[in-house]
PDB file of N, CA and C in Angstrom:
ATOM      1  N   MET A   1      93.351 153.742  88.434  1.00  0.00           N
ATOM      2  CA  MET A   1      91.732 153.951  89.720  1.00  0.00           C
ATOM      3  C   MET A   1      90.624 153.506  88.988  1.00  0.00           C
ATOM      4  N   GLY A   2      89.440 153.459  90.376  1.00  0.00           N
ATOM      5  CA  GLY A   2      88.919 152.951  89.646  1.00  0.00           C
ATOM      6  C   GLY A   2      87.573 152.242  90.581  1.00  0.00           C
ATOM      7  N   ASP A   3      86.244 151.556  90.227  1.00  0.00           N
ATOM      8  CA  ASP A   3      85.847 150.804  91.319  1.00  0.00           C
ATOM      9  C   ASP A   3      86.202 149.264  91.656  1.00  0.00           C
ATOM     10  N   TYR A   4      86.731 149.074  92.847  1.00  0.00           N
ATOM     11  CA  TYR A   4      87.392 148.084  93.062  1.00  0.00           C
ATOM     12  C   TYR A   4      86.472 146.945  93.778  1.00  0.00           C
ATOM     13  N   ASN A   5      85.388 147.077  94.132  1.00  0.00           N
ATOM     14  CA  ASN A   5      84.186 146.103  94.418  1.00  0.00           C
ATOM     15  C   ASN A   5      84.437 145.525  95.944  1.00  0.00           C
ATOM     16  N   THR A   6      85.754 146.250  96.627  1.00  0.00           N
ATOM     17  CA  THR A   6      85.741 145.653  98.037  1.00  0.00           C
ATOM     18  C   THR A   6      86.305 146.868  98.618  1.00  0.00           C
ATOM     19  N   ILE A   7      86.210 146.785  99.605  1.00  0.00           N
ATOM     20  CA  ILE A   7      87.305 148.003 100.816  1.00  0.00           C
ATOM     21  C   ILE A   7      88.575 147.541 101.339  1.00  0.00           C
ATOM     22  N   HIS A   8      89.026 148.293 101.618  1.00  0.00           N
ATOM     23  CA  HIS A   8      90.813 148.184 102.056  1.00  0.00           C
ATOM     24  C   HIS A   8      90.804 147.825 103.606  1.00  0.00           C
ATOM     25  N   ARG A   9      89.606 148.562 104.995  1.00  0.00           N
ATOM     26  CA  ARG A   9      90.031 148.341 105.925  1.00  0.00           C
ATOM     27  C   ARG A   9      88.328 148.664 106.233  1.00  0.00           C
ATOM     28  N   GLY A  10      88.163 148.442 107.450  1.00  0.00           N
ATOM     29  CA  GLY A  10      87.049 148.542 108.409  1.00  0.00           C
ATOM     30  C   GLY A  10      85.949 150.202 108.079  1.00  0.00           C
ATOM     31  N   GLU A  11      87.240 150.625 108.189  1.00  0.00           N
ATOM     32  CA  GLU A  11      86.797 152.055 108.328  1.00  0.00           C
ATOM     33  C   GLU A  11      86.110 152.961 106.361  1.00  0.00           C
ATOM     34  N   ASP A  12      86.365 151.792 106.155  1.00  0.00           N
ATOM     35  CA  ASP A  12      85.787 152.352 104.561  1.00  0.00           C
ATOM     36  C   ASP A  12      84.377 152.381 104.642  1.00  0.00           C
ATOM     37  N   ILE A  13      84.187 151.607 105.023  1.00  0.00           N
ATOM     38  CA  ILE A  13      82.359 151.489 105.304  1.00  0.00           C
ATOM     39  C   ILE A  13      81.721 152.420 106.397  1.00  0.00           C
ATOM     40  N   MET A  14      80.759 153.321 105.897  1.00  0.00           N
ATOM     41  CA  MET A  14      79.789 153.718 107.000  1.00  0.00           C
ATOM     42  C   MET A  14      78.663 153.054 106.969  1.00  0.00           C
ATOM     43  N   VAL A  15      77.866 152.789 107.965  1.00  0.00           N
ATOM     44  CA  VAL A  15      76.201 151.757 108.316  1.00  0.00           C
ATOM     45  C   VAL A  15      76.579 150.732 107.049  1.00  0.00           C
ATOM     46  N   GLY A  16      75.800 149.545 107.841  1.00  0.00           N
ATOM     47  CA  GLY A  16      76.224 148.240 107.395  1.00  0.00           C
ATOM     48  C   GLY A  16      76.690 147.308 108.347  1.00  0.00           C
ATOM     49  N   SER A  17      76.852 146.263 107.909  1.00  0.00           N
ATOM     50  CA  SER A  17      77.084 144.787 108.981  1.00  0.00           C
ATOM     51  C   SER A  17      78.479 145.046 108.845  1.00  0.00           C
ATOM     52  N   PRO A  18      78.855 144.680 110.200  1.00  0.00           N
ATOM     53  CA  PRO A  18      80.468 145.160 110.862  1.00  0.00           C
ATOM     54  C   PRO A  18      81.845 144.103 109.378  1.00  0.00           C
ATOM     55  N   VAL A  19      82.439 144.896 108.839  1.00  0.00           N
ATOM     56  CA  VAL A  19      83.533 144.468 108.423  1.00  0.00           C
ATOM     57  C   VAL A  19      84.123 143.107 109.067  1.00  0.00           C
ATOM     58  N   GLN A  20      84.109 142.044 108.102  1.00  0.00           N
ATOM     59  CA  GLN A  20      84.408 140.771 108.398  1.00  0.00           C
ATOM     60  C   GLN A  20      86.125 140.812 107.637  1.00  0.00           C
ATOM     61  N   ASP A  21      87.043 139.668 108.429  1.00  0.00           N
ATOM     62  CA  ASP A  21      88.200 140.060 107.656  1.00  0.00           C
ATOM     63  C   ASP A  21      88.818 139.513 106.845  1.00  0.00           C
ATOM     64  N   ALA A  22      88.377 138.357 106.493  1.00  0.00           N
ATOM     65  CA  ALA A  22      87.641 137.513 104.529  1.00  0.00           C
ATOM     66  C   ALA A  22      87.416 138.450 103.917  1.00  0.00           C
ATOM     67  N   GLU A  23      86.451 139.772 104.192  1.00  0.00           N
ATOM     68  CA  GLU A  23      86.235 140.440 103.308  1.00  0.00           C
ATOM     69  C   GLU A  23      87.518 141.573 102.692  1.00  0.00           C
ATOM     70  N   ILE A  24      87.995 141.350 103.267  1.00  0.00           N
ATOM     71  CA  ILE A  24      89.033 142.807 103.042  1.00  0.00           C
ATOM     72  C   ILE A  24      90.669 141.878 102.737  1.00  0.00           C
ATOM     73  N   ARG A  25      90.848 141.186 103.170  1.00  0.00           N
ATOM     74  CA  ARG A  25      91.944 139.877 103.110  1.00  0.00           C
ATOM     75  C   ARG A  25      92.724 139.939 101.517  1.00  0.00           C
ATOM     76  N   ASP A  26      91.667 139.179 100.647  1.00  0.00           N
ATOM     77  CA  ASP A  26      92.314 139.664  99.112  1.00  0.00           C
ATOM     78  C   ASP A  26      92.998 140.968  98.765  1.00  0.00           C
ATOM     79  N   PHE A  27      92.067 141.964  98.886  1.00  0.00           N
ATOM     80  CA  PHE A  27      92.781 143.441  98.491  1.00  0.00           C
ATOM     81  C   PHE A  27      94.091 143.925  99.217  1.00  0.00           C
ATOM     82  N   ASP A  28      93.991 143.410 100.548  1.00  0.00           N
ATOM     83  CA  ASP A  28      94.947 143.783 101.031  1.00  0.00           C
ATOM     84  C   ASP A  28      96.068 142.938 100.697  1.00  0.00           C
ATOM     85  N   GLU A  29      96.085 141.655 100.363  1.00  0.00           N
ATOM     86  CA  GLU A  29      97.408 141.044 100.009  1.00  0.00           C
ATOM     87  C   GLU A  29      97.318 141.427  98.629  1.00  0.00           C
ATOM     88  N   TYR A  30      96.708 142.139  98.041  1.00  0.00           N
ATOM     89  CA  TYR A  30      96.729 142.321  96.395  1.00  0.00           C
ATOM     90  C   TYR A  30      97.694 143.640  96.908  1.00  0.00           C
ATOM     91  N   LEU A  31      97.295 144.657  97.640  1.00  0.00           N
ATOM     92  CA  LEU A  31      97.675 145.833  97.970  1.00  0.00           C
ATOM     93  C   LEU A  31      99.640 145.316  98.149  1.00  0.00           C
ATOM     94  N   ARG A  32      99.480 144.446  99.124  1.00  0.00           N
ATOM     95  CA  ARG A  32     100.935 144.236  99.775  1.00  0.00           C
ATOM     96  C   ARG A  32     102.244 143.544  98.571  1.00  0.00           C
ATOM     97  N   ASP A  33     101.346 142.714  97.795  1.00  0.00           N
ATOM     98  CA  ASP A  33     102.086 142.070  96.810  1.00  0.00           C
ATOM     99  C   ASP A  33     102.412 142.683  95.231  1.00  0.00           C
ATOM    100  N   THR A  34     102.112 143.763  95.312  1.00  0.00           N
ATOM    101  CA  THR A  34     102.305 144.650  94.266  1.00  0.00           C
ATOM    102  C   THR A  34     102.534 146.012  94.594  1.00  0.00           C
ATOM    103  N   SER A  35     102.823 145.924  96.130  1.00  0.00           N
ATOM    104  CA  SER A  35     103.365 147.569  96.294  1.00  0.00           C
ATOM    105  C   SER A  35     103.031 148.653  95.654  1.00  0.00           C
ATOM    106  N   MET A  36     101.567 148.600  95.557  1.00  0.00           N
ATOM    107  CA  MET A  36     101.027 149.999  95.314  1.00  0.00           C
ATOM    108  C   MET A  36      99.934 150.446  96.733  1.00  0.00           C
ATOM    109  N   PRO A  37     100.933 151.473  96.725  1.00  0.00           N
ATOM    110  CA  PRO A  37      99.325 152.136  98.139  1.00  0.00           C
ATOM    111  C   PRO A  37      98.478 153.003  97.456  1.00  0.00           C
ATOM    112  N   ILE A  38      97.413 153.274  98.243  1.00  0.00           N
ATOM    113  CA  ILE A  38      96.339 153.874  98.002  1.00  0.00           C
ATOM    114  C   ILE A  38      96.625 155.841  97.669  1.00  0.00           C
ATOM    115  N   LEU A  39      96.496 156.016  96.653  1.00  0.00           N
ATOM    116  CA  LEU A  39      96.868 157.641  96.584  1.00  0.00           C
ATOM    117  C   LEU A  39      95.929 158.223  97.853  1.00  0.00           C
ATOM    118  N   LYS A  40      96.838 159.445  98.686  1.00  0.00           N
ATOM    119  CA  LYS A  40      95.979 159.880  99.134  1.00  0.00           C
ATOM    120  C   LYS A  40      94.944 160.713  98.563  1.00  0.00           C
ATOM    121  N   HIS A  41      93.764 161.117  99.275  1.00  0.00           N
ATOM    122  CA  HIS A  41      92.818 161.810  98.924  1.00  0.00           C
ATOM    123  C   HIS A  41      92.352 162.954  99.663  1.00  0.00           C
ATOM    124  N   THR A  42      91.579 163.830  99.164  1.00  0.00           N
ATOM    125  CA  THR A  42      90.708 165.100 100.019  1.00  0.00           C
ATOM    126  C   THR A  42      89.273 165.049  99.661  1.00  0.00           C
ATOM    127  N   SER A  43      88.639 165.974 100.215  1.00  0.00           N
ATOM    128  CA  SER A  43      87.697 165.855  99.812  1.00  0.00           C
ATOM    129  C   SER A  43      86.662 164.655 100.935  1.00  0.00           C
ATOM    130  N   ARG A  44      85.413 164.399  99.934  1.00  0.00           N
ATOM    131  CA  ARG A  44      84.938 163.294 100.283  1.00  0.00           C
ATOM    132  C   ARG A  44      85.355 162.485 101.001  1.00  0.00           C
ATOM    133  N   GLU A  45      84.843 161.819 102.142  1.00  0.00           N
ATOM    134  CA  GLU A  45      85.377 160.590 102.702  1.00  0.00           C
ATOM    135  C   GLU A  45      84.766 159.311 101.945  1.00  0.00           C
ATOM    136  N   TYR A  46      83.797 159.364 101.747  1.00  0.00           N
ATOM    137  CA  TYR A  46      83.170 157.435 100.916  1.00  0.00           C
ATOM    138  C   TYR A  46      82.898 158.169  99.385  1.00  0.00           C
ATOM    139  N   THR A  47      83.201 156.795  98.426  1.00  0.00           N
ATOM    140  CA  THR A  47      83.261 157.120  97.344  1.00  0.00           C
ATOM    141  C   THR A  47      81.626 156.671  96.398  1.00  0.00           C
ATOM    142  N   TRP A  48      81.271 155.552  96.966  1.00  0.00           N
ATOM    143  CA  TRP A  48      80.049 155.261  96.921  1.00  0.00           C
ATOM    144  C   TRP A  48      78.795 155.184  97.509  1.00  0.00           C
ATOM    145  N   THR A  49      77.532 155.787  97.395  1.00  0.00           N
ATOM    146  CA  THR A  49      76.528 155.436  97.841  1.00  0.00           C
ATOM    147  C   THR A  49      75.221 154.779  97.431  1.00  0.00           C
ATOM    148  N   ASN A  50      74.201 154.170  98.031  1.00  0.00           N
ATOM    149  CA  ASN A  50      73.012 153.811  97.887  1.00  0.00           C
ATOM    150  C   ASN A  50      71.964 154.909  98.257  1.00  0.00           C
ATOM    151  N   GLY A  51      72.110 156.155  99.339  1.00  0.00           N
ATOM    152  CA  GLY A  51      71.856 156.585  99.547  1.00  0.00           C
ATOM    153  C   GLY A  51      71.298 156.336 101.343  1.00  0.00           C
ATOM    154  N   HIS A  52      71.563 155.070 101.698  1.00  0.00           N
ATOM    155  CA  HIS A  52      71.844 154.499 103.010  1.00  0.00           C
ATOM    156  C   HIS A  52      73.177 154.058 103.660  1.00  0.00           C
ATOM    157  N   ILE A  53      74.034 153.181 102.853  1.00  0.00           N
ATOM    158  CA  ILE A  53      75.481 152.927 102.958  1.00  0.00           C
ATOM    159  C   ILE A  53      75.952 153.742 102.171  1.00  0.00           C
ATOM    160  N   TYR A  54      77.150 154.146 103.242  1.00  0.00           N
ATOM    161  CA  TYR A  54      78.639 154.851 101.935  1.00  0.00           C
ATOM    162  C   TYR A  54      79.890 154.310 102.403  1.00  0.00           C
ATOM    163  N   ASN A  55      80.366 153.894 101.606  1.00  0.00           N
ATOM    164  CA  ASN A  55      82.069 153.188 101.722  1.00  0.00           C
ATOM    165  C   ASN A  55      82.491 153.854 100.665  1.00  0.00           C
ATOM    166  N   ARG A  56      83.916 153.247 100.588  1.00  0.00           N
ATOM    167  CA  ARG A  56      84.790 153.636  99.931  1.00  0.00           C
ATOM    168  C   ARG A  56      85.785 152.351  98.932  1.00  0.00           C
ATOM    169  N   THR A  57      84.764 152.276  97.979  1.00  0.00           N
ATOM    170  CA  THR A  57      85.204 150.809  97.419  1.00  0.00           C
ATOM    171  C   THR A  57      86.055 151.163  95.873  1.00  0.00           C
ATOM    172  N   ASP A  58      86.127 152.673  95.855  1.00  0.00           N
ATOM    173  CA  ASP A  58      86.707 153.191  94.823  1.00  0.00           C
ATOM    174  C   ASP A  58      88.344 153.831  95.034  1.00  0.00           C
ATOM    175  N   CYS A  59      89.411 153.980  94.521  1.00  0.00           N
ATOM    176  CA  CYS A  59      90.210 154.328  94.735  1.00  0.00           C
ATOM    177  C   CYS A  59      91.105 154.246  94.020  1.00  0.00           C
ATOM    178  N   ALA A  60      92.271 155.055  93.809  1.00  0.00           N
ATOM    179  CA  ALA A  60      93.679 155.317  93.020  1.00  0.00           C
ATOM    180  C   ALA A  60      94.858 154.771  93.704  1.00  0.00           C
ATOM    181  N   LEU A  61      95.324 153.797  92.692  1.00  0.00           N
ATOM    182  CA  LEU A  61      96.581 153.036  93.177  1.00  0.00           C
ATOM    183  C   LEU A  61      97.711 153.388  92.356  1.00  0.00           C
ATOM    184  N   VAL A  62      99.110 154.177  92.602  1.00  0.00           N
ATOM    185  CA  VAL A  62     100.212 154.544  92.324  1.00  0.00           C
ATOM    186  C   VAL A  62     101.059 153.465  92.628  1.00  0.00           C
ATOM    187  N   ASN A  63     102.133 153.627  91.755  1.00  0.00           N
ATOM    188  CA  ASN A  63     103.726 152.680  92.349  1.00  0.00           C
ATOM    189  C   ASN A  63     104.574 153.749  92.821  1.00  0.00           C
ATOM    190  N   THR A  64     105.833 153.026  93.043  1.00  0.00           N
ATOM    191  CA  THR A  64     106.758 153.727  94.018  1.00  0.00           C
ATOM    192  C   THR A  64     107.402 154.699  93.032  1.00  0.00           C
ATOM    193  N   ARG A  65     107.213 154.223  91.137  1.00  0.00           N
ATOM    194  CA  ARG A  65     107.934 155.346  90.774  1.00  0.00           C
ATOM    195  C   ARG A  65     107.539 156.646  90.479  1.00  0.00           C
ATOM    196  N   TRP A  66     105.939 156.192  90.579  1.00  0.00           N
ATOM    197  CA  TRP A  66     104.969 157.287  90.069  1.00  0.00           C
ATOM    198  C   TRP A  66     105.023 158.104  91.218  1.00  0.00           C
ATOM    199  N   MET A  67     104.888 157.690  92.707  1.00  0.00           N
ATOM    200  CA  MET A  67     105.116 158.411  93.804  1.00  0.00           C
ATOM    201  C   MET A  67     106.577 159.490  93.677  1.00  0.00           C
ATOM    202  N   LEU A  68     107.812 158.551  93.106  1.00  0.00           N
ATOM    203  CA  LEU A  68     108.721 159.685  93.233  1.00  0.00           C
ATOM    204  C   LEU A  68     109.204 160.323  92.097  1.00  0.00           C
ATOM    205  N   THR A  69     108.320 160.149  90.962  1.00  0.00           N
ATOM    206  CA  THR A  69     108.321 160.769  89.861  1.00  0.00           C
ATOM    207  C   THR A  69     107.152 162.630  90.028  1.00  0.00           C
ATOM    208  N   MET A  70     106.243 162.048  90.809  1.00  0.00           N
ATOM    209  CA  MET A  70     105.269 163.294  91.227  1.00  0.00           C
ATOM    210  C   MET A  70     105.108 163.201  92.678  1.00  0.00           C
ATOM    211  N   PRO A  71     105.906 163.349  93.464  1.00  0.00           N
ATOM    212  CA  PRO A  71     105.355 163.519  94.933  1.00  0.00           C
ATOM    213  C   PRO A  71     104.697 164.016  95.563  1.00  0.00           C
ATOM    214  N   ASP A  72     104.171 164.980  94.546  1.00  0.00           N
ATOM    215  CA  ASP A  72     102.919 166.656  95.151  1.00  0.00           C
ATOM    216  C   ASP A  72     101.537 166.152  94.576  1.00  0.00           C
ATOM    217  N   MET A  73     100.816 165.030  94.467  1.00  0.00           N
ATOM    218  CA  MET A  73      99.753 165.174  93.961  1.00  0.00           C
ATOM    219  C   MET A  73      98.980 164.520  94.806  1.00  0.00           C
ATOM    220  N   GLU A  74      97.495 164.399  94.729  1.00  0.00           N
ATOM    221  CA  GLU A  74      96.157 164.204  95.734  1.00  0.00           C
ATOM    222  C   GLU A  74      95.555 163.936  94.816  1.00  0.00           C
ATOM    223  N   LEU A  75      94.632 162.721  95.526  1.00  0.00           N
ATOM    224  CA  LEU A  75      93.186 162.228  94.341  1.00  0.00           C
ATOM    225  C   LEU A  75      92.232 163.551  95.311  1.00  0.00           C
ATOM    226  N   GLN A  76      91.684 164.225  93.959  1.00  0.00           N
ATOM    227  CA  GLN A  76      89.957 164.741  94.446  1.00  0.00           C
ATOM    228  C   GLN A  76      88.977 164.012  94.310  1.00  0.00           C
ATOM    229  N   ILE A  77      87.975 163.859  95.543  1.00  0.00           N
ATOM    230  CA  ILE A  77      87.069 162.964  95.087  1.00  0.00           C
ATOM    231  C   ILE A  77      85.964 164.416  94.884  1.00  0.00           C
ATOM    232  N   ILE A  78      84.925 164.011  94.396  1.00  0.00           N
ATOM    233  CA  ILE A  78      84.229 165.145  94.033  1.00  0.00           C
ATOM    234  C   ILE A  78      82.665 164.218  94.216  1.00  0.00           C
ATOM    235  N   ASP A  79      81.457 165.571  94.313  1.00  0.00           N
ATOM    236  CA  ASP A  79      80.308 165.019  94.670  1.00  0.00           C
ATOM    237  C   ASP A  79      80.070 164.343  93.532  1.00  0.00           C
ATOM    238  N   PRO A  80      78.964 163.139  93.705  1.00  0.00           N
ATOM    239  CA  PRO A  80      78.709 161.853  92.552  1.00  0.00           C
ATOM    240  C   PRO A  80      77.745 162.671  91.901  1.00  0.00           C
ATOM    241  N   GLY A  81      76.604 164.201  91.923  1.00  0.00           N
ATOM    242  CA  GLY A  81      75.766 164.388  91.333  1.00  0.00           C
ATOM    243  C   GLY A  81      74.928 163.113  91.064  1.00  0.00           C
ATOM    244  N   CYS A  82      74.840 163.044  89.953  1.00  0.00           N
ATOM    245  CA  CYS A  82      74.003 161.906  89.521  1.00  0.00           C
ATOM    246  C   CYS A  82      73.819 160.389  89.403  1.00  0.00           C
ATOM    247  N   SER A  83      75.499 159.886  89.932  1.00  0.00           N
ATOM    248  CA  SER A  83      75.478 158.656  89.827  1.00  0.00           C
ATOM    249  C   SER A  83      75.931 158.270  91.358  1.00  0.00           C
ATOM    250  N   ASP A  84      75.808 157.095  92.017  1.00  0.00           N
ATOM    251  CA  ASP A  84      76.091 156.675  92.643  1.00  0.00           C
ATOM    252  C   ASP A  84      77.768 156.493  93.484  1.00  0.00           C
ATOM    253  N   HIS A  85      78.624 156.540  92.248  1.00  0.00           N
ATOM    254  CA  HIS A  85      79.822 156.564  92.435  1.00  0.00           C
ATOM    255  C   HIS A  85      80.372 157.929  92.314  1.00  0.00           C
ATOM    256  N   SER A  86      81.608 158.657  92.922  1.00  0.00           N
ATOM    257  CA  SER A  86      81.937 160.011  92.942  1.00  0.00           C
ATOM    258  C   SER A  86      82.870 159.623  91.490  1.00  0.00           C
ATOM    259  N   PRO A  87      82.928 160.915  90.975  1.00  0.00           N
ATOM    260  CA  PRO A  87      84.722 161.361  90.146  1.00  0.00           C
ATOM    261  C   PRO A  87      85.381 161.295  90.832  1.00  0.00           C
ATOM    262  N   PHE A  88      86.698 160.899  90.179  1.00  0.00           N
ATOM    263  CA  PHE A  88      88.000 161.510  90.752  1.00  0.00           C
ATOM    264  C   PHE A  88      88.475 162.442  89.991  1.00  0.00           C
ATOM    265  N   SER A  89      89.506 163.370  90.373  1.00  0.00           N
ATOM    266  CA  SER A  89      90.332 164.318  89.682  1.00  0.00           C
ATOM    267  C   SER A  89      91.811 163.963  90.605  1.00  0.00           C
ATOM    268  N   ILE A  90      92.911 163.992  89.751  1.00  0.00           N
ATOM    269  CA  ILE A  90      94.233 163.606  90.203  1.00  0.00           C
ATOM    270  C   ILE A  90      94.778 165.312  89.895  1.00  0.00           C
ATOM    271  N   ASN A  91      95.135 166.006  91.152  1.00  0.00           N
ATOM    272  CA  ASN A  91      95.211 167.612  91.355  1.00  0.00           C
ATOM    273  C   ASN A  91      97.259 167.013  91.072  1.00  0.00           C
ATOM    274  N   PHE A  92      98.147 167.208  90.586  1.00  0.00           N
ATOM    275  CA  PHE A  92      99.508 167.543  90.678  1.00  0.00           C
ATOM    276  C   PHE A  92      99.803 169.012  90.881  1.00  0.00           C
ATOM    277  N   PHE A  93     100.620 169.301  92.081  1.00  0.00           N
ATOM    278  CA  PHE A  93     101.093 170.557  91.994  1.00  0.00           C
ATOM    279  C   PHE A  93     102.622 170.562  91.991  1.00  0.00           C
ATOM    280  N   GLN A  94     102.731 171.838  91.324  1.00  0.00           N
ATOM    281  CA  GLN A  94     104.524 171.745  90.864  1.00  0.00           C
ATOM    282  C   GLN A  94     104.952 172.291  92.153  1.00  0.00           C
ATOM    283  N   GLN A  95     106.237 172.263  92.318  1.00  0.00           N
ATOM    284  CA  GLN A  95     107.238 172.185  93.397  1.00  0.00           C
ATOM    285  C   GLN A  95     107.616 173.661  92.772  1.00  0.00           C
ATOM    286  N   VAL A  96     107.219 174.829  93.373  1.00  0.00           N
ATOM    287  CA  VAL A  96     108.183 176.116  93.248  1.00  0.00           C
ATOM    288  C   VAL A  96     109.689 176.192  94.140  1.00  0.00           C
ATOM    289  N   GLU A  97     110.587 176.557  93.302  1.00  0.00           N
ATOM    290  CA  GLU A  97     112.172 176.533  93.950  1.00  0.00           C
ATOM    291  C   GLU A  97     112.225 178.277  94.202  1.00  0.00           C
ATOM    292  N   LEU A  98     111.602 178.553  95.732  1.00  0.00           N
ATOM    293  CA  LEU A  98     111.868 179.670  96.311  1.00  0.00           C
ATOM    294  C   LEU A  98     113.377 179.948  96.448  1.00  0.00           C
ATOM    295  N   ARG A  99     114.152 180.747  96.065  1.00  0.00           N
ATOM    296  CA  ARG A  99     115.732 181.379  96.140  1.00  0.00           C
ATOM    297  C   ARG A  99     115.379 182.927  95.896  1.00  0.00           C
ATOM    298  N   SER A 100     116.343 183.426  97.055  1.00  0.00           N
ATOM    299  CA  SER A 100     115.954 185.033  97.503  1.00  0.00           C
ATOM    300  C   SER A 100     116.506 185.822  95.479  1.00  0.00           C
ATOM    301  N   ILE A 101     116.339 186.855  95.965  1.00  0.00           N
ATOM    302  CA  ILE A 101     117.070 187.558  94.767  1.00  0.00           C
ATOM    303  C   ILE A 101     117.305 188.680  95.614  1.00  0.00           C
ATOM    304  N   PRO A 102     118.922 188.484  94.759  1.00  0.00           N
ATOM    305  CA  PRO A 102     120.087 189.969  95.590  1.00  0.00           C
ATOM    306  C   PRO A 102     119.297 191.219  95.203  1.00  0.00           C
ATOM    307  N   PHE A 103     119.430 192.009  96.308  1.00  0.00           N
ATOM    308  CA  PHE A 103     118.849 193.627  96.216  1.00  0.00           C
ATOM    309  C   PHE A 103     120.169 194.120  95.244  1.00  0.00           C
ATOM    310  N   ASN A 104     119.949 195.064  94.495  1.00  0.00           N
ATOM    311  CA  ASN A 104     120.813 195.726  93.169  1.00  0.00           C
ATOM    312  C   ASN A 104     120.167 197.189  93.315  1.00  0.00           C
ATOM    313  N   PHE A 105     121.374 197.749  93.765  1.00  0.00           N
ATOM    314  CA  PHE A 105     121.496 198.935  93.506  1.00  0.00           C
ATOM    315  C   PHE A 105     122.473 199.758  93.095  1.00  0.00           C
ATOM    316  N   LEU A 106     121.750 200.522  91.597  1.00  0.00           N
ATOM    317  CA  LEU A 106     122.428 201.148  90.704  1.00  0.00           C
ATOM    318  C   LEU A 106     123.263 202.787  91.576  1.00  0.00           C
ATOM    319  N   ASN A 107     124.502 202.895  91.537  1.00  0.00           N
ATOM    320  CA  ASN A 107     125.131 203.792  92.228  1.00  0.00           C
ATOM    321  C   ASN A 107     124.936 205.395  91.662  1.00  0.00           C
ATOM    322  N   HIS A 108     124.414 204.993  90.075  1.00  0.00           N
ATOM    323  CA  HIS A 108     124.848 206.096  89.532  1.00  0.00           C
ATOM    324  C   HIS A 108     123.370 206.801  89.296  1.00  0.00           C
ATOM    325  N   LEU A 109     122.302 206.305  90.068  1.00  0.00           N
ATOM    326  CA  LEU A 109     121.074 206.855  90.501  1.00  0.00           C
ATOM    327  C   LEU A 109     120.825 207.974  91.457  1.00  0.00           C
ATOM    328  N   ALA A 110     121.799 207.556  92.258  1.00  0.00           N
ATOM    329  CA  ALA A 110     122.229 208.451  93.494  1.00  0.00           C
ATOM    330  C   ALA A 110     122.884 210.006  92.919  1.00  0.00           C
ATOM    331  N   LYS A 111     123.300 209.861  91.684  1.00  0.00           N
ATOM    332  CA  LYS A 111     124.174 211.209  91.005  1.00  0.00           C
ATOM    333  C   LYS A 111     122.708 212.007  90.404  1.00  0.00           C
ATOM    334  N   HIS A 112     121.824 211.344  90.517  1.00  0.00           N
ATOM    335  CA  HIS A 112     120.299 212.196  89.975  1.00  0.00           C
ATOM    336  C   HIS A 112     120.155 213.312  90.124  1.00  0.00           C
ATOM    337  N   VAL A 113     119.976 214.883  89.971  1.00  0.00           N
ATOM    338  CA  VAL A 113     119.286 215.792  90.632  1.00  0.00           C
ATOM    339  C   VAL A 113     117.960 215.782  91.646  1.00  0.00           C
ATOM    340  N   LYS A 114     117.446 214.932  91.405  1.00  0.00           N
ATOM    341  CA  LYS A 114     116.252 214.610  92.344  1.00  0.00           C
ATOM    342  C   LYS A 114     116.285 213.567  93.283  1.00  0.00           C
ATOM    343  N   PHE A 115     117.461 212.990  93.158  1.00  0.00           N
ATOM    344  CA  PHE A 115     117.729 211.932  94.076  1.00  0.00           C
ATOM    345  C   PHE A 115     117.387 211.956  95.445  1.00  0.00           C
ATOM    346  N   GLN A 116     118.124 212.910  96.093  1.00  0.00           N
ATOM    347  CA  GLN A 116     117.638 213.084  97.682  1.00  0.00           C
ATOM    348  C   GLN A 116     116.251 213.394  97.926  1.00  0.00           C
ATOM    349  N   ASP A 117     115.962 214.895  97.127  1.00  0.00           N
ATOM    350  CA  ASP A 117     114.439 214.695  97.163  1.00  0.00           C
ATOM    351  C   ASP A 117     113.349 213.679  96.929  1.00  0.00           C
ATOM    352  N   THR A 118     113.695 212.874  96.099  1.00  0.00           N
ATOM    353  CA  THR A 118     112.436 211.583  96.154  1.00  0.00           C
ATOM    354  C   THR A 118     112.719 210.873  97.381  1.00  0.00           C
ATOM    355  N   VAL A 119     114.166 210.396  97.691  1.00  0.00           N
ATOM    356  CA  VAL A 119     114.361 209.956  98.730  1.00  0.00           C
ATOM    357  C   VAL A 119     113.406 210.535  99.831  1.00  0.00           C
ATOM    358  N   LYS A 120     113.634 211.520 100.307  1.00  0.00           N
ATOM    359  CA  LYS A 120     112.843 212.378 101.241  1.00  0.00           C
ATOM    360  C   LYS A 120     111.699 212.011 101.100  1.00  0.00           C
TER     361      LYS A 120
END
């Protein structure tokens, strides 16, 4: 993950000159040739700004093996603070297998002298 100094799509820039195909062609071909998709992100849409132009030149790439091993992860784009680039944090979510727990009733409790009163 890092600053690739290029954008992937025309929507990755807000304000500024319209994006030309030649500007995104090399990075798009790189992503296609390596079969490395851009990791889905949350929070901020843009990762770099100079105060007037906002764009997403920073991203995290993952390979298929990584995605199969850790399918529940996402990239969090954090507010930049004092930098013109937004820091990243990768969040990993552990899948919890939910299974029902069988109800167990211990018959000997029914024989207790206070059982009927407690149930009432």
